[in-house]
Amino acid sequence: MKILACQLIVALALQQPQPLLPRPVLKLIVEHPALAPYVHPEIAGRVPLVVSDHLLEPGVTPTRFGQPLRIVPDREVATKPHLRILSFDVEGSRAKAVVEYEVEGVRAVFDLRRDSKGWWTVVDAKVTTHSP
């Protein structure tokens, strides 16, 4: 009986959906100074900033560089320069978001905190680079 209960718990844990990144958190990420050196609005084709809808919660689309972000289905984004959410993990009032901007060879990890009113803030951001 205990083995069956453990198997059921594991099965349920595996079925839990991946949390989706809220649009207000996307706004914090795209506007964060850690990514600023890599988004290059002066390069043709980089504005509006294209974002894959992978792991992105529906909602109001934030803006960047005075234009709404262009949210594109993940399967359609192909080789266009785009920001992609690789993971969003939430534990209570803390979260970690990992995003990639492959055209610049950049991966960024954002540590976030949610206050008692539900507002998220970035408490730390680390960017690593690799060959695009």
N, C-alpha and C. Protein backbone atom coordinates (compact mmCIF):
# COMPACT_ATOMS: atom_id res chain seq x y z
N MET A 1 0.83 -1.19 0.00
CA MET A 1 0.00 0.00 0.00
C MET A 1 0.87 1.26 0.00
N LYS A 2 1.95 1.24 0.79
CA LYS A 2 2.83 2.41 0.85
C LYS A 2 3.49 2.66 -0.51
N ILE A 3 3.88 1.58 -1.19
CA ILE A 3 4.52 1.73 -2.49
C ILE A 3 3.54 2.36 -3.48
N LEU A 4 2.30 1.91 -3.45
CA LEU A 4 1.28 2.47 -4.35
C LEU A 4 1.07 3.95 -4.05
N ALA A 5 1.03 4.32 -2.79
CA ALA A 5 0.84 5.73 -2.41
C ALA A 5 2.02 6.57 -2.90
N CYS A 6 3.24 6.07 -2.77
CA CYS A 6 4.43 6.78 -3.25
C CYS A 6 4.39 6.94 -4.76
N GLN A 7 3.99 5.89 -5.47
CA GLN A 7 3.90 5.96 -6.92
C GLN A 7 2.86 6.99 -7.36
N LEU A 8 1.75 7.05 -6.64
CA LEU A 8 0.70 8.01 -6.94
C LEU A 8 1.21 9.43 -6.73
N ILE A 9 1.91 9.67 -5.65
CA ILE A 9 2.46 11.00 -5.36
C ILE A 9 3.45 11.41 -6.45
N VAL A 10 4.32 10.51 -6.85
CA VAL A 10 5.29 10.81 -7.91
C VAL A 10 4.56 11.10 -9.22
N ALA A 11 3.56 10.31 -9.54
CA ALA A 11 2.80 10.52 -10.79
C ALA A 11 2.11 11.87 -10.78
N LEU A 12 1.51 12.25 -9.66
CA LEU A 12 0.85 13.55 -9.58
C LEU A 12 1.86 14.68 -9.68
N ALA A 13 3.01 14.54 -9.06
CA ALA A 13 4.05 15.57 -9.12
C ALA A 13 4.53 15.76 -10.56
N LEU A 14 4.64 14.66 -11.29
CA LEU A 14 5.10 14.75 -12.67
C LEU A 14 4.05 15.39 -13.59
N GLN A 15 2.79 15.33 -13.21
CA GLN A 15 1.73 15.88 -14.04
C GLN A 15 1.49 17.37 -13.80
N GLN A 16 2.08 17.93 -12.75
CA GLN A 16 1.86 19.34 -12.48
C GLN A 16 2.45 20.17 -13.62
N PRO A 17 1.67 21.10 -14.13
CA PRO A 17 2.16 21.89 -15.25
C PRO A 17 3.28 22.85 -14.83
N GLN A 18 4.14 23.14 -15.77
CA GLN A 18 5.20 24.12 -15.57
C GLN A 18 4.54 25.47 -15.33
N PRO A 19 4.95 26.20 -14.29
CA PRO A 19 4.36 27.54 -14.09
C PRO A 19 4.69 28.44 -15.28
N LEU A 20 3.76 29.32 -15.60
CA LEU A 20 3.96 30.26 -16.69
C LEU A 20 4.43 31.60 -16.15
N LEU A 21 5.30 32.24 -16.90
CA LEU A 21 5.85 33.54 -16.51
C LEU A 21 4.78 34.61 -16.68
N PRO A 22 4.44 35.33 -15.60
CA PRO A 22 3.44 36.39 -15.71
C PRO A 22 3.96 37.55 -16.58
N ARG A 23 3.06 38.20 -17.29
CA ARG A 23 3.44 39.32 -18.16
C ARG A 23 4.14 40.45 -17.39
N PRO A 24 3.72 40.78 -16.14
CA PRO A 24 4.46 41.81 -15.41
C PRO A 24 5.93 41.42 -15.15
N VAL A 25 6.20 40.13 -14.98
CA VAL A 25 7.58 39.67 -14.80
C VAL A 25 8.34 39.80 -16.13
N LEU A 26 7.67 39.50 -17.24
CA LEU A 26 8.30 39.70 -18.54
C LEU A 26 8.72 41.16 -18.70
N LYS A 27 7.88 42.08 -18.29
CA LYS A 27 8.21 43.50 -18.37
C LYS A 27 9.46 43.81 -17.56
N LEU A 28 9.55 43.27 -16.35
CA LEU A 28 10.73 43.47 -15.51
C LEU A 28 11.99 42.94 -16.20
N ILE A 29 11.86 41.80 -16.86
CA ILE A 29 13.01 41.17 -17.51
C ILE A 29 13.47 41.98 -18.72
N VAL A 30 12.55 42.33 -19.61
CA VAL A 30 12.97 43.02 -20.84
C VAL A 30 13.48 44.43 -20.56
N GLU A 31 13.08 45.01 -19.44
CA GLU A 31 13.55 46.35 -19.09
C GLU A 31 14.75 46.33 -18.16
N HIS A 32 15.19 45.17 -17.73
CA HIS A 32 16.28 45.09 -16.76
C HIS A 32 17.61 45.53 -17.38
N PRO A 33 18.39 46.31 -16.64
CA PRO A 33 19.69 46.78 -17.15
C PRO A 33 20.66 45.67 -17.52
N ALA A 34 20.52 44.49 -16.94
CA ALA A 34 21.43 43.38 -17.26
C ALA A 34 21.30 42.96 -18.72
N LEU A 35 20.10 43.07 -19.31
CA LEU A 35 19.90 42.70 -20.71
C LEU A 35 20.15 43.86 -21.69
N ALA A 36 20.12 45.07 -21.18
CA ALA A 36 20.23 46.26 -22.04
C ALA A 36 21.39 46.22 -23.03
N PRO A 37 22.60 45.78 -22.64
CA PRO A 37 23.71 45.78 -23.60
C PRO A 37 23.54 44.81 -24.76
N TYR A 38 22.54 43.94 -24.70
CA TYR A 38 22.42 42.87 -25.69
C TYR A 38 21.23 43.01 -26.65
N VAL A 39 20.26 43.86 -26.34
CA VAL A 39 19.06 43.88 -27.17
C VAL A 39 19.20 44.74 -28.43
N HIS A 40 20.09 45.69 -28.46
CA HIS A 40 20.46 46.47 -29.66
C HIS A 40 19.28 46.96 -30.49
N PRO A 41 18.53 47.94 -30.00
CA PRO A 41 17.41 48.47 -30.78
C PRO A 41 17.87 49.19 -32.06
N GLU A 42 19.15 49.54 -32.12
CA GLU A 42 19.66 50.24 -33.30
C GLU A 42 19.89 49.31 -34.49
N ILE A 43 19.85 48.01 -34.28
CA ILE A 43 20.04 47.04 -35.36
C ILE A 43 18.69 46.76 -36.02
N ALA A 44 18.67 46.80 -37.33
CA ALA A 44 17.43 46.54 -38.08
C ALA A 44 16.86 45.16 -37.70
N GLY A 45 15.55 45.12 -37.53
CA GLY A 45 14.87 43.87 -37.21
C GLY A 45 14.81 43.55 -35.72
N ARG A 46 15.35 44.42 -34.87
CA ARG A 46 15.34 44.15 -33.42
C ARG A 46 14.20 44.87 -32.69
N VAL A 47 13.51 45.77 -33.37
CA VAL A 47 12.36 46.47 -32.78
C VAL A 47 11.19 46.27 -33.72
N PRO A 48 10.05 45.81 -33.25
CA PRO A 48 9.78 45.49 -31.86
C PRO A 48 10.54 44.24 -31.41
N LEU A 49 10.81 44.17 -30.11
CA LEU A 49 11.47 43.01 -29.53
C LEU A 49 10.54 41.81 -29.64
N VAL A 50 11.03 40.73 -30.25
CA VAL A 50 10.24 39.52 -30.44
C VAL A 50 10.45 38.60 -29.24
N VAL A 51 9.35 38.08 -28.71
CA VAL A 51 9.40 37.16 -27.56
C VAL A 51 8.61 35.91 -27.92
N SER A 52 9.22 34.76 -27.71
CA SER A 52 8.51 33.49 -27.90
C SER A 52 7.46 33.35 -26.80
N ASP A 53 6.35 32.74 -27.13
CA ASP A 53 5.30 32.53 -26.12
C ASP A 53 5.57 31.31 -25.24
N HIS A 54 6.73 30.66 -25.42
CA HIS A 54 7.08 29.49 -24.61
C HIS A 54 7.09 29.85 -23.13
N LEU A 55 6.27 29.19 -22.34
CA LEU A 55 6.15 29.38 -20.89
C LEU A 55 5.68 30.78 -20.51
N LEU A 56 5.02 31.48 -21.43
CA LEU A 56 4.55 32.84 -21.16
C LEU A 56 3.05 32.83 -20.88
N GLU A 57 2.69 33.43 -19.75
CA GLU A 57 1.29 33.53 -19.36
C GLU A 57 0.57 34.53 -20.27
N PRO A 58 -0.69 34.26 -20.62
CA PRO A 58 -1.46 35.24 -21.40
C PRO A 58 -1.66 36.52 -20.58
N GLY A 59 -1.92 37.60 -21.26
CA GLY A 59 -2.19 38.85 -20.55
C GLY A 59 -1.80 40.05 -21.39
N VAL A 60 -1.69 41.18 -20.72
CA VAL A 60 -1.35 42.44 -21.37
C VAL A 60 0.10 42.38 -21.85
N THR A 61 0.33 42.80 -23.08
CA THR A 61 1.68 42.77 -23.64
C THR A 61 2.45 44.03 -23.25
N PRO A 62 3.59 43.86 -22.58
CA PRO A 62 4.40 45.02 -22.22
C PRO A 62 5.05 45.65 -23.45
N THR A 63 5.61 46.82 -23.26
CA THR A 63 6.30 47.52 -24.34
C THR A 63 7.79 47.59 -24.04
N ARG A 64 8.55 47.82 -25.09
CA ARG A 64 9.99 48.08 -24.98
C ARG A 64 10.36 48.93 -26.18
N PHE A 65 11.16 49.94 -25.97
CA PHE A 65 11.56 50.88 -27.03
C PHE A 65 10.34 51.56 -27.64
N GLY A 66 9.32 51.81 -26.81
CA GLY A 66 8.14 52.54 -27.26
C GLY A 66 7.17 51.74 -28.10
N GLN A 67 7.38 50.44 -28.23
CA GLN A 67 6.48 49.59 -29.01
C GLN A 67 6.12 48.34 -28.22
N PRO A 68 4.90 47.81 -28.43
CA PRO A 68 4.56 46.55 -27.75
C PRO A 68 5.51 45.44 -28.20
N LEU A 69 5.84 44.55 -27.27
CA LEU A 69 6.62 43.38 -27.64
C LEU A 69 5.83 42.58 -28.67
N ARG A 70 6.52 41.89 -29.52
CA ARG A 70 5.85 41.03 -30.50
C ARG A 70 5.91 39.60 -29.97
N ILE A 71 4.79 39.12 -29.48
CA ILE A 71 4.71 37.77 -28.93
C ILE A 71 4.40 36.81 -30.09
N VAL A 72 5.29 35.84 -30.29
CA VAL A 72 5.18 34.91 -31.42
C VAL A 72 5.10 33.49 -30.88
N PRO A 73 4.22 32.67 -31.47
CA PRO A 73 4.17 31.27 -31.04
C PRO A 73 5.55 30.62 -31.18
N ASP A 74 5.93 29.85 -30.18
CA ASP A 74 7.27 29.26 -30.13
C ASP A 74 7.60 28.47 -31.40
N ARG A 75 6.63 27.76 -31.94
CA ARG A 75 6.89 26.93 -33.13
C ARG A 75 7.08 27.77 -34.39
N GLU A 76 6.73 29.07 -34.34
CA GLU A 76 6.84 29.93 -35.52
C GLU A 76 8.02 30.91 -35.47
N VAL A 77 8.69 30.98 -34.35
CA VAL A 77 9.72 32.01 -34.19
C VAL A 77 10.98 31.72 -35.01
N ALA A 78 11.27 30.46 -35.26
CA ALA A 78 12.37 30.00 -36.12
C ALA A 78 13.69 30.69 -35.78
N THR A 79 14.31 31.30 -36.77
CA THR A 79 15.64 31.89 -36.56
C THR A 79 15.60 33.39 -36.36
N LYS A 80 14.41 33.98 -36.24
CA LYS A 80 14.33 35.41 -35.97
C LYS A 80 14.97 35.71 -34.62
N PRO A 81 15.62 36.87 -34.49
CA PRO A 81 16.11 37.24 -33.15
C PRO A 81 14.92 37.31 -32.19
N HIS A 82 15.00 36.57 -31.09
CA HIS A 82 13.89 36.54 -30.14
C HIS A 82 14.38 36.17 -28.74
N LEU A 83 13.62 36.64 -27.78
CA LEU A 83 13.85 36.28 -26.38
C LEU A 83 12.97 35.07 -26.10
N ARG A 84 13.54 34.06 -25.41
CA ARG A 84 12.77 32.85 -25.11
C ARG A 84 12.92 32.51 -23.63
N ILE A 85 11.82 32.22 -23.00
CA ILE A 85 11.82 31.81 -21.60
C ILE A 85 12.15 30.32 -21.57
N LEU A 86 13.25 29.98 -20.93
CA LEU A 86 13.66 28.58 -20.84
C LEU A 86 13.02 27.89 -19.64
N SER A 87 12.88 28.63 -18.54
CA SER A 87 12.24 28.05 -17.36
C SER A 87 11.74 29.16 -16.44
N PHE A 88 10.72 28.81 -15.66
CA PHE A 88 10.21 29.70 -14.63
C PHE A 88 9.78 28.81 -13.48
N ASP A 89 10.54 28.88 -12.39
CA ASP A 89 10.28 28.04 -11.23
C ASP A 89 9.89 28.91 -10.05
N VAL A 90 8.79 28.55 -9.40
CA VAL A 90 8.26 29.32 -8.28
C VAL A 90 8.25 28.45 -7.03
N GLU A 91 8.76 29.02 -5.94
CA GLU A 91 8.69 28.38 -4.62
C GLU A 91 8.24 29.44 -3.63
N GLY A 92 6.95 29.42 -3.32
CA GLY A 92 6.40 30.41 -2.41
C GLY A 92 6.49 31.81 -3.00
N SER A 93 7.17 32.70 -2.29
CA SER A 93 7.29 34.09 -2.75
C SER A 93 8.56 34.32 -3.56
N ARG A 94 9.28 33.25 -3.86
CA ARG A 94 10.51 33.36 -4.65
C ARG A 94 10.33 32.67 -5.99
N ALA A 95 11.06 33.18 -6.97
CA ALA A 95 11.01 32.55 -8.29
C ALA A 95 12.35 32.75 -8.99
N LYS A 96 12.58 31.89 -9.97
CA LYS A 96 13.77 32.02 -10.80
C LYS A 96 13.32 31.86 -12.25
N ALA A 97 13.68 32.84 -13.06
CA ALA A 97 13.37 32.81 -14.49
C ALA A 97 14.69 32.74 -15.26
N VAL A 98 14.74 31.84 -16.23
CA VAL A 98 15.91 31.74 -17.11
C VAL A 98 15.43 32.08 -18.51
N VAL A 99 16.08 33.07 -19.12
CA VAL A 99 15.72 33.48 -20.48
C VAL A 99 16.96 33.44 -21.37
N GLU A 100 16.69 33.30 -22.66
CA GLU A 100 17.79 33.22 -23.62
C GLU A 100 17.51 34.18 -24.76
N TYR A 101 18.58 34.87 -25.20
CA TYR A 101 18.52 35.70 -26.40
C TYR A 101 19.62 35.18 -27.30
N GLU A 102 19.28 34.13 -28.03
CA GLU A 102 20.26 33.34 -28.77
C GLU A 102 21.05 34.15 -29.80
N VAL A 103 20.41 35.13 -30.43
CA VAL A 103 21.09 35.91 -31.46
C VAL A 103 22.33 36.62 -30.91
N GLU A 104 22.32 36.92 -29.61
CA GLU A 104 23.45 37.55 -28.95
C GLU A 104 24.26 36.55 -28.11
N GLY A 105 23.83 35.30 -28.10
CA GLY A 105 24.55 34.30 -27.31
C GLY A 105 24.46 34.57 -25.82
N VAL A 106 23.27 34.98 -25.36
CA VAL A 106 23.09 35.40 -23.97
C VAL A 106 22.04 34.53 -23.28
N ARG A 107 22.36 34.13 -22.07
CA ARG A 107 21.40 33.47 -21.17
C ARG A 107 21.43 34.25 -19.87
N ALA A 108 20.24 34.58 -19.36
CA ALA A 108 20.15 35.37 -18.13
C ALA A 108 19.28 34.65 -17.11
N VAL A 109 19.71 34.72 -15.86
CA VAL A 109 18.97 34.12 -14.75
C VAL A 109 18.51 35.27 -13.86
N PHE A 110 17.21 35.33 -13.64
CA PHE A 110 16.62 36.37 -12.81
C PHE A 110 16.06 35.76 -11.55
N ASP A 111 16.53 36.25 -10.40
CA ASP A 111 15.96 35.85 -9.12
C ASP A 111 14.92 36.90 -8.76
N LEU A 112 13.71 36.43 -8.46
CA LEU A 112 12.58 37.32 -8.22
C LEU A 112 11.96 37.07 -6.85
N ARG A 113 11.33 38.10 -6.32
CA ARG A 113 10.58 37.98 -5.07
C ARG A 113 9.21 38.62 -5.28
N ARG A 114 8.20 38.00 -4.65
CA ARG A 114 6.84 38.54 -4.70
C ARG A 114 6.48 39.05 -3.31
N ASP A 115 5.96 40.28 -3.25
CA ASP A 115 5.59 40.83 -1.95
C ASP A 115 4.18 40.38 -1.56
N SER A 116 3.72 40.82 -0.41
CA SER A 116 2.42 40.38 0.11
C SER A 116 1.26 40.84 -0.76
N LYS A 117 1.47 41.85 -1.61
CA LYS A 117 0.42 42.33 -2.51
C LYS A 117 0.46 41.64 -3.87
N GLY A 118 1.44 40.73 -4.07
CA GLY A 118 1.54 40.00 -5.31
C GLY A 118 2.45 40.64 -6.36
N TRP A 119 3.13 41.72 -6.02
CA TRP A 119 4.02 42.40 -6.95
C TRP A 119 5.39 41.74 -6.96
N TRP A 120 5.90 41.48 -8.16
CA TRP A 120 7.22 40.87 -8.32
C TRP A 120 8.28 41.95 -8.46
N THR A 121 9.49 41.65 -7.95
CA THR A 121 10.67 42.49 -8.17
C THR A 121 11.84 41.58 -8.49
N VAL A 122 12.78 42.11 -9.26
CA VAL A 122 14.02 41.38 -9.54
C VAL A 122 15.00 41.72 -8.43
N VAL A 123 15.50 40.70 -7.74
CA VAL A 123 16.49 40.93 -6.68
C VAL A 123 17.90 40.66 -7.16
N ASP A 124 18.04 39.92 -8.25
CA ASP A 124 19.36 39.65 -8.81
C ASP A 124 19.20 39.17 -10.24
N ALA A 125 20.17 39.53 -11.06
CA ALA A 125 20.17 39.07 -12.45
C ALA A 125 21.61 38.78 -12.85
N LYS A 126 21.82 37.63 -13.44
CA LYS A 126 23.15 37.23 -13.91
C LYS A 126 23.04 36.86 -15.38
N VAL A 127 23.94 37.43 -16.18
CA VAL A 127 23.96 37.14 -17.61
C VAL A 127 25.25 36.40 -17.94
N THR A 128 25.09 35.34 -18.71
CA THR A 128 26.27 34.62 -19.20
C THR A 128 26.20 34.66 -20.72
N THR A 129 27.38 34.64 -21.33
CA THR A 129 27.43 34.68 -22.79
C THR A 129 28.08 33.41 -23.31
N HIS A 130 27.69 33.06 -24.51
CA HIS A 130 28.26 31.92 -25.22
C HIS A 130 28.19 32.27 -26.70
N SER A 131 28.78 31.51 -27.53
CA SER A 131 28.77 31.79 -28.97
C SER A 131 27.38 31.58 -29.52
N PRO A 132 26.83 32.59 -30.24
CA PRO A 132 25.49 32.43 -30.82
C PRO A 132 25.46 31.43 -31.95
